């Protein structure tokens, strides 16, 4: 790819990220009950992106556990790593529109997902499964816990270079 093609691709990606953010701003303005004053567009974008990647996580989990027959901790781990990789890419490009070097961000993100994984996925998810809750429901409960943690980490630590969030 020449420098010009690279620049054009970058401009296109920036345009798509800006359009996504603008859409989130429009939707937030329409939220009822005064929520538009407290919900950041990046939070709505995070909820949409991570709702999508959580769906991917659940499909992979069911495929690895029920389809392949992997043990619950291994199925949780594989599905989690794949889904969170996708989440990082989508949130970086579309939601937080970060232009900082990807290496340090990926390192911070890896630490965050390790903490999240140990505390919520294996901790909460496996514990709930061990006490008898069905594994998909266990993953959904763990997912609710991890959402608040991961949004906070992504907004204020991993992608802190973004403006106007």
N, C-alpha and C. Protein backbone atom coordinates (compact mmCIF):
# COMPACT_ATOMS: atom_id res chain seq x y z
N UNK A 1 0.83 -1.17 0.00
CA UNK A 1 0.00 0.00 0.00
C UNK A 1 0.88 1.24 0.00
N UNK A 2 0.56 2.22 -0.81
CA UNK A 2 1.33 3.46 -0.82
C UNK A 2 0.87 4.34 0.33
N UNK A 3 1.63 5.39 0.58
CA UNK A 3 1.26 6.33 1.65
C UNK A 3 -0.10 6.95 1.41
N UNK A 4 -0.41 7.22 0.13
CA UNK A 4 -1.70 7.83 -0.20
C UNK A 4 -2.85 6.88 0.12
N UNK A 5 -2.71 5.60 -0.26
CA UNK A 5 -3.77 4.62 0.04
C UNK A 5 -3.95 4.47 1.53
N UNK A 6 -2.85 4.45 2.28
CA UNK A 6 -2.91 4.33 3.73
C UNK A 6 -3.64 5.52 4.33
N UNK A 7 -3.34 6.72 3.82
CA UNK A 7 -3.99 7.93 4.31
C UNK A 7 -5.48 7.89 4.02
N UNK A 8 -5.87 7.45 2.81
CA UNK A 8 -7.27 7.37 2.45
C UNK A 8 -8.01 6.38 3.35
N UNK A 9 -7.41 5.22 3.59
CA UNK A 9 -8.02 4.23 4.47
C UNK A 9 -8.20 4.81 5.86
N UNK A 10 -7.18 5.51 6.36
CA UNK A 10 -7.25 6.11 7.67
C UNK A 10 -8.37 7.15 7.72
N UNK A 11 -8.49 7.96 6.67
CA UNK A 11 -9.56 8.96 6.61
C UNK A 11 -10.92 8.29 6.61
N UNK A 12 -11.06 7.19 5.86
CA UNK A 12 -12.32 6.46 5.82
C UNK A 12 -12.66 5.90 7.20
N UNK A 13 -11.66 5.31 7.86
CA UNK A 13 -11.90 4.77 9.20
C UNK A 13 -12.29 5.87 10.17
N UNK A 14 -11.63 7.02 10.07
CA UNK A 14 -11.97 8.15 10.94
C UNK A 14 -13.40 8.60 10.67
N UNK A 15 -13.78 8.65 9.39
CA UNK A 15 -15.14 9.06 9.05
C UNK A 15 -16.16 8.10 9.64
N UNK A 16 -15.89 6.80 9.55
CA UNK A 16 -16.82 5.80 10.08
C UNK A 16 -16.91 5.91 11.60
N UNK A 17 -15.78 6.09 12.26
CA UNK A 17 -15.78 6.29 13.71
C UNK A 17 -16.54 7.54 14.10
N UNK A 18 -16.35 8.62 13.34
CA UNK A 18 -17.05 9.86 13.63
C UNK A 18 -18.56 9.70 13.41
N UNK A 19 -18.93 9.00 12.35
CA UNK A 19 -20.37 8.76 12.10
C UNK A 19 -20.98 7.94 13.22
N UNK A 20 -20.25 6.93 13.70
CA UNK A 20 -20.74 6.11 14.81
C UNK A 20 -20.94 6.99 16.05
N UNK A 21 -19.95 7.83 16.36
CA UNK A 21 -20.05 8.70 17.54
C UNK A 21 -21.20 9.69 17.38
N UNK A 22 -21.34 10.26 16.20
CA UNK A 22 -22.44 11.20 15.96
C UNK A 22 -23.80 10.52 16.15
N UNK A 23 -23.92 9.29 15.66
CA UNK A 23 -25.16 8.53 15.86
C UNK A 23 -25.43 8.31 17.35
N UNK A 24 -24.38 8.00 18.11
CA UNK A 24 -24.55 7.80 19.55
C UNK A 24 -25.00 9.09 20.22
N UNK A 25 -24.45 10.22 19.78
CA UNK A 25 -24.86 11.52 20.33
C UNK A 25 -26.34 11.79 20.05
N UNK A 26 -26.78 11.49 18.83
CA UNK A 26 -28.18 11.69 18.45
C UNK A 26 -29.10 10.81 19.31
N UNK A 27 -28.75 9.55 19.45
CA UNK A 27 -29.57 8.63 20.24
C UNK A 27 -29.61 9.07 21.70
N UNK A 28 -28.48 9.48 22.26
CA UNK A 28 -28.44 9.93 23.66
C UNK A 28 -29.35 11.13 23.86
N UNK A 29 -29.39 12.05 22.89
CA UNK A 29 -30.28 13.23 23.02
C UNK A 29 -31.75 12.84 23.12
N UNK A 30 -32.10 11.67 22.59
CA UNK A 30 -33.49 11.22 22.60
C UNK A 30 -33.85 10.37 23.81
N UNK A 31 -32.90 10.12 24.69
CA UNK A 31 -33.19 9.28 25.86
C UNK A 31 -34.21 9.96 26.78
N UNK A 32 -35.14 9.20 27.33
CA UNK A 32 -36.19 9.77 28.19
C UNK A 32 -35.70 9.99 29.62
N UNK A 33 -36.54 10.65 30.41
CA UNK A 33 -36.36 10.79 31.86
C UNK A 33 -35.08 11.52 32.25
N UNK A 34 -34.60 12.42 31.41
CA UNK A 34 -33.39 13.17 31.72
C UNK A 34 -32.10 12.38 31.60
N UNK A 35 -32.19 11.16 31.06
CA UNK A 35 -30.99 10.33 30.92
C UNK A 35 -29.98 10.95 29.97
N UNK A 36 -30.45 11.80 29.07
CA UNK A 36 -29.53 12.42 28.10
C UNK A 36 -28.49 13.30 28.80
N UNK A 37 -28.79 13.74 30.02
CA UNK A 37 -27.83 14.57 30.76
C UNK A 37 -26.78 13.73 31.48
N UNK A 38 -27.01 12.43 31.65
CA UNK A 38 -26.07 11.62 32.43
C UNK A 38 -25.43 10.48 31.64
N UNK A 39 -25.98 10.13 30.49
CA UNK A 39 -25.42 9.03 29.68
C UNK A 39 -24.49 9.62 28.62
N UNK A 40 -23.23 9.25 28.68
CA UNK A 40 -22.26 9.70 27.68
C UNK A 40 -22.45 8.92 26.39
N UNK A 41 -22.25 9.57 25.24
CA UNK A 41 -22.31 8.83 23.98
C UNK A 41 -21.38 7.62 23.95
N UNK A 42 -20.21 7.74 24.60
CA UNK A 42 -19.29 6.61 24.62
C UNK A 42 -19.84 5.45 25.43
N UNK A 43 -20.67 5.74 26.44
CA UNK A 43 -21.28 4.65 27.21
C UNK A 43 -22.30 3.90 26.36
N UNK A 44 -23.10 4.64 25.60
CA UNK A 44 -24.06 4.00 24.71
C UNK A 44 -23.33 3.19 23.64
N UNK A 45 -22.27 3.76 23.07
CA UNK A 45 -21.48 3.03 22.08
C UNK A 45 -20.88 1.77 22.66
N UNK A 46 -20.35 1.88 23.88
CA UNK A 46 -19.81 0.71 24.58
C UNK A 46 -20.89 -0.35 24.77
N UNK A 47 -22.07 0.07 25.19
CA UNK A 47 -23.17 -0.87 25.42
C UNK A 47 -23.56 -1.60 24.13
N UNK A 48 -23.60 -0.89 23.03
CA UNK A 48 -23.96 -1.50 21.75
C UNK A 48 -22.86 -2.44 21.27
N UNK A 49 -21.63 -1.96 21.27
CA UNK A 49 -20.52 -2.80 20.81
C UNK A 49 -20.36 -4.02 21.71
N UNK A 50 -20.37 -3.81 23.01
CA UNK A 50 -20.16 -4.92 23.92
C UNK A 50 -21.37 -5.83 24.02
N UNK A 51 -22.55 -5.31 23.76
CA UNK A 51 -23.72 -6.20 23.66
C UNK A 51 -23.56 -7.15 22.49
N UNK A 52 -23.08 -6.60 21.37
CA UNK A 52 -22.82 -7.43 20.19
C UNK A 52 -21.73 -8.46 20.47
N UNK A 53 -20.60 -8.02 21.04
CA UNK A 53 -19.51 -8.95 21.27
C UNK A 53 -19.85 -9.94 22.39
N UNK A 54 -20.73 -9.55 23.31
CA UNK A 54 -21.19 -10.49 24.33
C UNK A 54 -22.03 -11.59 23.68
N UNK A 55 -22.83 -11.22 22.69
CA UNK A 55 -23.58 -12.23 21.94
C UNK A 55 -22.64 -13.21 21.24
N UNK A 56 -21.56 -12.68 20.67
CA UNK A 56 -20.54 -13.53 20.05
C UNK A 56 -19.93 -14.45 21.12
N UNK A 57 -19.64 -13.89 22.28
CA UNK A 57 -19.09 -14.65 23.41
C UNK A 57 -20.01 -15.83 23.76
N UNK A 58 -21.30 -15.56 23.88
CA UNK A 58 -22.25 -16.63 24.26
C UNK A 58 -22.35 -17.71 23.17
N UNK A 59 -22.37 -17.29 21.92
CA UNK A 59 -22.43 -18.27 20.82
C UNK A 59 -21.18 -19.15 20.84
N UNK A 60 -20.02 -18.52 21.01
CA UNK A 60 -18.78 -19.30 21.09
C UNK A 60 -18.77 -20.21 22.31
N UNK A 61 -19.24 -19.70 23.44
CA UNK A 61 -19.31 -20.51 24.66
C UNK A 61 -20.16 -21.76 24.44
N UNK A 62 -21.33 -21.58 23.87
CA UNK A 62 -22.21 -22.73 23.61
C UNK A 62 -21.57 -23.69 22.62
N UNK A 63 -20.90 -23.14 21.62
CA UNK A 63 -20.23 -23.98 20.63
C UNK A 63 -19.11 -24.79 21.30
N UNK A 64 -18.29 -24.12 22.10
CA UNK A 64 -17.17 -24.81 22.75
C UNK A 64 -17.63 -25.79 23.82
N UNK A 65 -18.68 -25.44 24.58
CA UNK A 65 -19.13 -26.29 25.69
C UNK A 65 -20.06 -27.40 25.19
N UNK A 66 -21.16 -27.02 24.55
CA UNK A 66 -22.15 -28.01 24.14
C UNK A 66 -21.78 -28.70 22.83
N UNK A 67 -21.15 -27.98 21.93
CA UNK A 67 -20.78 -28.57 20.64
C UNK A 67 -19.53 -29.42 20.71
N UNK A 68 -18.46 -28.85 21.26
CA UNK A 68 -17.18 -29.53 21.31
C UNK A 68 -17.02 -30.34 22.60
N UNK A 69 -17.71 -29.93 23.66
CA UNK A 69 -17.64 -30.64 24.93
C UNK A 69 -16.49 -30.25 25.82
N UNK A 70 -15.95 -29.04 25.62
CA UNK A 70 -14.85 -28.57 26.46
C UNK A 70 -15.33 -28.32 27.89
N UNK A 71 -14.47 -28.47 28.88
CA UNK A 71 -14.84 -28.12 30.26
C UNK A 71 -15.21 -26.64 30.36
N UNK A 72 -16.08 -26.30 31.30
CA UNK A 72 -16.59 -24.94 31.44
C UNK A 72 -15.47 -23.90 31.51
N UNK A 73 -14.45 -24.04 32.37
CA UNK A 73 -13.42 -22.99 32.42
C UNK A 73 -12.70 -22.78 31.08
N UNK A 74 -12.45 -23.83 30.35
CA UNK A 74 -11.77 -23.70 29.04
C UNK A 74 -12.71 -23.07 28.02
N UNK A 75 -13.96 -23.49 28.01
CA UNK A 75 -14.95 -22.90 27.10
C UNK A 75 -15.14 -21.41 27.40
N UNK A 76 -15.25 -21.04 28.71
CA UNK A 76 -15.36 -19.64 29.10
C UNK A 76 -14.15 -18.86 28.59
N UNK A 77 -12.96 -19.41 28.78
CA UNK A 77 -11.73 -18.72 28.43
C UNK A 77 -11.61 -18.47 26.93
N UNK A 78 -11.81 -19.49 26.13
CA UNK A 78 -11.69 -19.32 24.68
C UNK A 78 -12.70 -18.32 24.13
N UNK A 79 -13.95 -18.46 24.55
CA UNK A 79 -14.98 -17.54 24.08
C UNK A 79 -14.68 -16.11 24.52
N UNK A 80 -14.24 -15.97 25.74
CA UNK A 80 -13.94 -14.66 26.33
C UNK A 80 -12.81 -13.96 25.58
N UNK A 81 -11.72 -14.66 25.35
CA UNK A 81 -10.56 -14.05 24.69
C UNK A 81 -10.92 -13.61 23.27
N UNK A 82 -11.62 -14.43 22.54
CA UNK A 82 -11.99 -14.07 21.17
C UNK A 82 -12.95 -12.88 21.15
N UNK A 83 -13.95 -12.89 22.00
CA UNK A 83 -14.93 -11.80 22.03
C UNK A 83 -14.29 -10.50 22.49
N UNK A 84 -13.42 -10.56 23.48
CA UNK A 84 -12.80 -9.33 23.97
C UNK A 84 -11.77 -8.77 23.00
N UNK A 85 -11.16 -9.61 22.20
CA UNK A 85 -10.29 -9.09 21.13
C UNK A 85 -11.10 -8.26 20.15
N UNK A 86 -12.25 -8.78 19.76
CA UNK A 86 -13.14 -8.04 18.86
C UNK A 86 -13.63 -6.75 19.52
N UNK A 87 -13.98 -6.81 20.79
CA UNK A 87 -14.42 -5.63 21.52
C UNK A 87 -13.36 -4.53 21.52
N UNK A 88 -12.10 -4.91 21.75
CA UNK A 88 -11.01 -3.93 21.75
C UNK A 88 -10.93 -3.22 20.41
N UNK A 89 -10.92 -3.97 19.33
CA UNK A 89 -10.79 -3.39 17.99
C UNK A 89 -11.96 -2.45 17.70
N UNK A 90 -13.18 -2.90 17.97
CA UNK A 90 -14.36 -2.07 17.66
C UNK A 90 -14.43 -0.83 18.55
N UNK A 91 -14.16 -0.98 19.84
CA UNK A 91 -14.21 0.18 20.73
C UNK A 91 -13.11 1.19 20.40
N UNK A 92 -11.93 0.70 20.08
CA UNK A 92 -10.82 1.60 19.73
C UNK A 92 -11.15 2.41 18.48
N UNK A 93 -11.66 1.73 17.45
CA UNK A 93 -11.90 2.40 16.17
C UNK A 93 -13.19 3.21 16.14
N UNK A 94 -14.26 2.67 16.67
CA UNK A 94 -15.57 3.31 16.52
C UNK A 94 -15.98 4.16 17.72
N UNK A 95 -15.84 3.61 18.88
CA UNK A 95 -16.42 4.26 20.05
C UNK A 95 -15.51 5.31 20.66
N UNK A 96 -14.27 4.96 20.94
CA UNK A 96 -13.36 5.91 21.56
C UNK A 96 -12.48 6.63 20.54
N UNK A 97 -12.49 6.16 19.29
CA UNK A 97 -11.78 6.78 18.18
C UNK A 97 -10.36 7.18 18.55
N UNK A 98 -9.65 6.25 19.12
CA UNK A 98 -8.30 6.51 19.62
C UNK A 98 -7.27 6.47 18.50
N UNK A 99 -6.32 7.39 18.59
CA UNK A 99 -5.21 7.44 17.64
C UNK A 99 -3.87 7.29 18.36
N UNK A 100 -3.92 6.95 19.62
CA UNK A 100 -2.69 6.71 20.39
C UNK A 100 -2.06 5.41 19.91
N UNK A 101 -0.80 5.20 20.20
CA UNK A 101 -0.15 3.94 19.81
C UNK A 101 -0.91 2.74 20.39
N UNK A 102 -1.13 1.75 19.55
CA UNK A 102 -1.94 0.60 19.94
C UNK A 102 -1.24 -0.29 20.96
N UNK A 103 0.08 -0.35 20.91
CA UNK A 103 0.83 -1.25 21.80
C UNK A 103 0.56 -1.02 23.28
N UNK A 104 0.77 0.22 23.77
CA UNK A 104 0.50 0.47 25.19
C UNK A 104 -0.97 0.25 25.55
N UNK A 105 -1.88 0.63 24.64
CA UNK A 105 -3.30 0.41 24.90
C UNK A 105 -3.62 -1.08 24.99
N UNK A 106 -3.06 -1.85 24.09
CA UNK A 106 -3.29 -3.30 24.12
C UNK A 106 -2.74 -3.90 25.41
N UNK A 107 -1.60 -3.40 25.88
CA UNK A 107 -1.04 -3.88 27.14
C UNK A 107 -1.95 -3.57 28.33
N UNK A 108 -2.43 -2.33 28.40
CA UNK A 108 -3.36 -1.96 29.47
C UNK A 108 -4.64 -2.79 29.39
N UNK A 109 -5.13 -2.97 28.18
CA UNK A 109 -6.35 -3.75 27.96
C UNK A 109 -6.15 -5.20 28.40
N UNK A 110 -4.98 -5.75 28.09
CA UNK A 110 -4.68 -7.14 28.49
C UNK A 110 -4.70 -7.28 30.00
N UNK A 111 -4.13 -6.31 30.71
CA UNK A 111 -4.15 -6.35 32.18
C UNK A 111 -5.60 -6.25 32.68
N UNK A 112 -6.37 -5.35 32.08
CA UNK A 112 -7.77 -5.18 32.49
C UNK A 112 -8.58 -6.46 32.25
N UNK A 113 -8.40 -7.09 31.10
CA UNK A 113 -9.20 -8.29 30.85
C UNK A 113 -8.71 -9.46 31.70
N UNK A 114 -7.45 -9.48 32.07
CA UNK A 114 -6.97 -10.52 32.99
C UNK A 114 -7.64 -10.37 34.35
N UNK A 115 -7.66 -9.14 34.87
CA UNK A 115 -8.33 -8.89 36.15
C UNK A 115 -9.81 -9.22 36.03
N UNK A 116 -10.43 -8.75 34.96
CA UNK A 116 -11.85 -9.01 34.72
C UNK A 116 -12.12 -10.51 34.61
N UNK A 117 -11.27 -11.19 33.89
CA UNK A 117 -11.41 -12.63 33.69
C UNK A 117 -11.35 -13.38 35.02
N UNK A 118 -10.34 -13.08 35.81
CA UNK A 118 -10.17 -13.78 37.08
C UNK A 118 -11.32 -13.48 38.05
N UNK A 119 -11.70 -12.22 38.14
CA UNK A 119 -12.73 -11.82 39.09
C UNK A 119 -14.14 -12.22 38.67
N UNK A 120 -14.49 -11.93 37.42
CA UNK A 120 -15.88 -12.10 37.01
C UNK A 120 -16.14 -13.37 36.22
N UNK A 121 -15.29 -13.68 35.26
CA UNK A 121 -15.56 -14.84 34.41
C UNK A 121 -15.32 -16.13 35.18
N UNK A 122 -14.09 -16.30 35.64
CA UNK A 122 -13.81 -17.52 36.41
C UNK A 122 -14.40 -17.44 37.80
N UNK A 123 -14.24 -16.30 38.46
CA UNK A 123 -14.75 -16.17 39.82
C UNK A 123 -16.25 -16.31 39.90
N UNK A 124 -16.95 -15.33 39.37
CA UNK A 124 -18.41 -15.31 39.44
C UNK A 124 -19.03 -16.40 38.55
N UNK A 125 -18.60 -16.45 37.28
CA UNK A 125 -19.19 -17.40 36.34
C UNK A 125 -19.02 -18.85 36.76
N UNK A 126 -17.80 -19.24 37.10
CA UNK A 126 -17.56 -20.62 37.51
C UNK A 126 -18.20 -20.94 38.85
N UNK A 127 -18.19 -19.98 39.77
CA UNK A 127 -18.81 -20.21 41.08
C UNK A 127 -20.31 -20.44 40.94
N UNK A 128 -20.96 -19.64 40.12
CA UNK A 128 -22.40 -19.81 39.92
C UNK A 128 -22.71 -21.15 39.25
N UNK A 129 -21.88 -21.55 38.30
CA UNK A 129 -22.05 -22.86 37.66
C UNK A 129 -21.85 -23.97 38.68
N UNK A 130 -20.84 -23.82 39.54
CA UNK A 130 -20.55 -24.84 40.55
C UNK A 130 -21.68 -25.01 41.56
N UNK A 131 -22.42 -23.94 41.83
CA UNK A 131 -23.54 -24.06 42.78
C UNK A 131 -24.86 -24.44 42.10
N UNK A 132 -24.78 -24.70 40.77
CA UNK A 132 -25.94 -25.25 40.11
C UNK A 132 -26.63 -24.39 39.08
N UNK A 133 -26.20 -23.15 38.89
CA UNK A 133 -26.83 -22.30 37.87
C UNK A 133 -26.33 -22.76 36.51
N UNK A 134 -27.20 -22.82 35.53
CA UNK A 134 -26.85 -23.25 34.18
C UNK A 134 -25.73 -22.36 33.65
N UNK A 135 -24.78 -22.92 32.90
CA UNK A 135 -23.56 -22.20 32.52
C UNK A 135 -23.82 -20.95 31.70
N UNK A 136 -24.82 -20.93 30.82
CA UNK A 136 -25.08 -19.72 30.03
C UNK A 136 -25.63 -18.62 30.95
N UNK A 137 -26.51 -18.97 31.88
CA UNK A 137 -27.02 -17.98 32.83
C UNK A 137 -25.90 -17.46 33.73
N UNK A 138 -25.00 -18.34 34.11
CA UNK A 138 -23.85 -17.93 34.92
C UNK A 138 -23.02 -16.90 34.16
N UNK A 139 -22.84 -17.13 32.87
CA UNK A 139 -22.05 -16.21 32.05
C UNK A 139 -22.75 -14.87 31.90
N UNK A 140 -24.07 -14.88 31.81
CA UNK A 140 -24.83 -13.63 31.70
C UNK A 140 -24.70 -12.80 32.98
N UNK A 141 -24.80 -13.44 34.14
CA UNK A 141 -24.63 -12.73 35.41
C UNK A 141 -23.21 -12.15 35.51
N UNK A 142 -22.22 -12.96 35.17
CA UNK A 142 -20.83 -12.49 35.18
C UNK A 142 -20.66 -11.33 34.20
N UNK A 143 -21.33 -11.39 33.06
CA UNK A 143 -21.27 -10.33 32.07
C UNK A 143 -21.80 -9.01 32.58
N UNK A 144 -22.85 -9.06 33.36
CA UNK A 144 -23.40 -7.83 33.94
C UNK A 144 -22.38 -7.18 34.89
N UNK A 145 -21.68 -7.99 35.65
CA UNK A 145 -20.66 -7.48 36.57
C UNK A 145 -19.48 -6.87 35.80
N UNK A 146 -19.06 -7.55 34.76
CA UNK A 146 -17.88 -7.09 34.03
C UNK A 146 -18.15 -5.83 33.22
N UNK A 147 -19.39 -5.57 32.84
CA UNK A 147 -19.69 -4.40 32.00
C UNK A 147 -19.28 -3.10 32.67
N UNK A 148 -19.67 -2.91 33.91
CA UNK A 148 -19.32 -1.66 34.61
C UNK A 148 -17.80 -1.53 34.76
N UNK A 149 -17.15 -2.61 35.11
CA UNK A 149 -15.70 -2.59 35.27
C UNK A 149 -15.01 -2.25 33.95
N UNK A 150 -15.36 -2.94 32.88
CA UNK A 150 -14.67 -2.76 31.61
C UNK A 150 -14.93 -1.39 30.99
N UNK A 151 -16.15 -0.85 31.11
CA UNK A 151 -16.39 0.49 30.57
C UNK A 151 -15.50 1.50 31.29
N UNK A 152 -15.46 1.41 32.59
CA UNK A 152 -14.64 2.34 33.37
C UNK A 152 -13.17 2.25 32.98
N UNK A 153 -12.66 1.05 32.86
CA UNK A 153 -11.26 0.87 32.49
C UNK A 153 -10.99 1.38 31.08
N UNK A 154 -11.89 1.09 30.15
CA UNK A 154 -11.67 1.51 28.77
C UNK A 154 -11.75 3.04 28.64
N UNK A 155 -12.71 3.65 29.30
CA UNK A 155 -12.88 5.10 29.15
C UNK A 155 -11.79 5.88 29.86
N UNK A 156 -11.45 5.50 31.08
CA UNK A 156 -10.56 6.34 31.87
C UNK A 156 -9.12 5.84 31.96
N UNK A 157 -8.83 4.65 31.44
CA UNK A 157 -7.45 4.15 31.49
C UNK A 157 -6.95 3.79 30.10
N UNK A 158 -7.58 2.84 29.44
CA UNK A 158 -7.07 2.35 28.16
C UNK A 158 -7.14 3.41 27.06
N UNK A 159 -8.29 4.04 26.90
CA UNK A 159 -8.48 5.02 25.82
C UNK A 159 -8.60 6.44 26.37
N UNK A 160 -7.83 6.78 27.36
CA UNK A 160 -7.92 8.08 28.00
C UNK A 160 -7.47 9.22 27.09
N UNK A 161 -6.87 8.92 25.95
CA UNK A 161 -6.39 9.96 25.03
C UNK A 161 -7.51 10.61 24.23
N UNK A 162 -8.72 10.06 24.26
CA UNK A 162 -9.79 10.58 23.43
C UNK A 162 -10.39 11.83 24.06
N UNK A 163 -10.91 12.68 23.21
CA UNK A 163 -11.51 13.94 23.65
C UNK A 163 -13.01 13.93 23.39
N UNK A 164 -13.74 14.69 24.16
CA UNK A 164 -15.16 14.89 23.92
C UNK A 164 -16.03 13.68 24.17
N UNK A 165 -15.61 12.80 25.06
CA UNK A 165 -16.43 11.63 25.34
C UNK A 165 -17.52 12.02 26.31
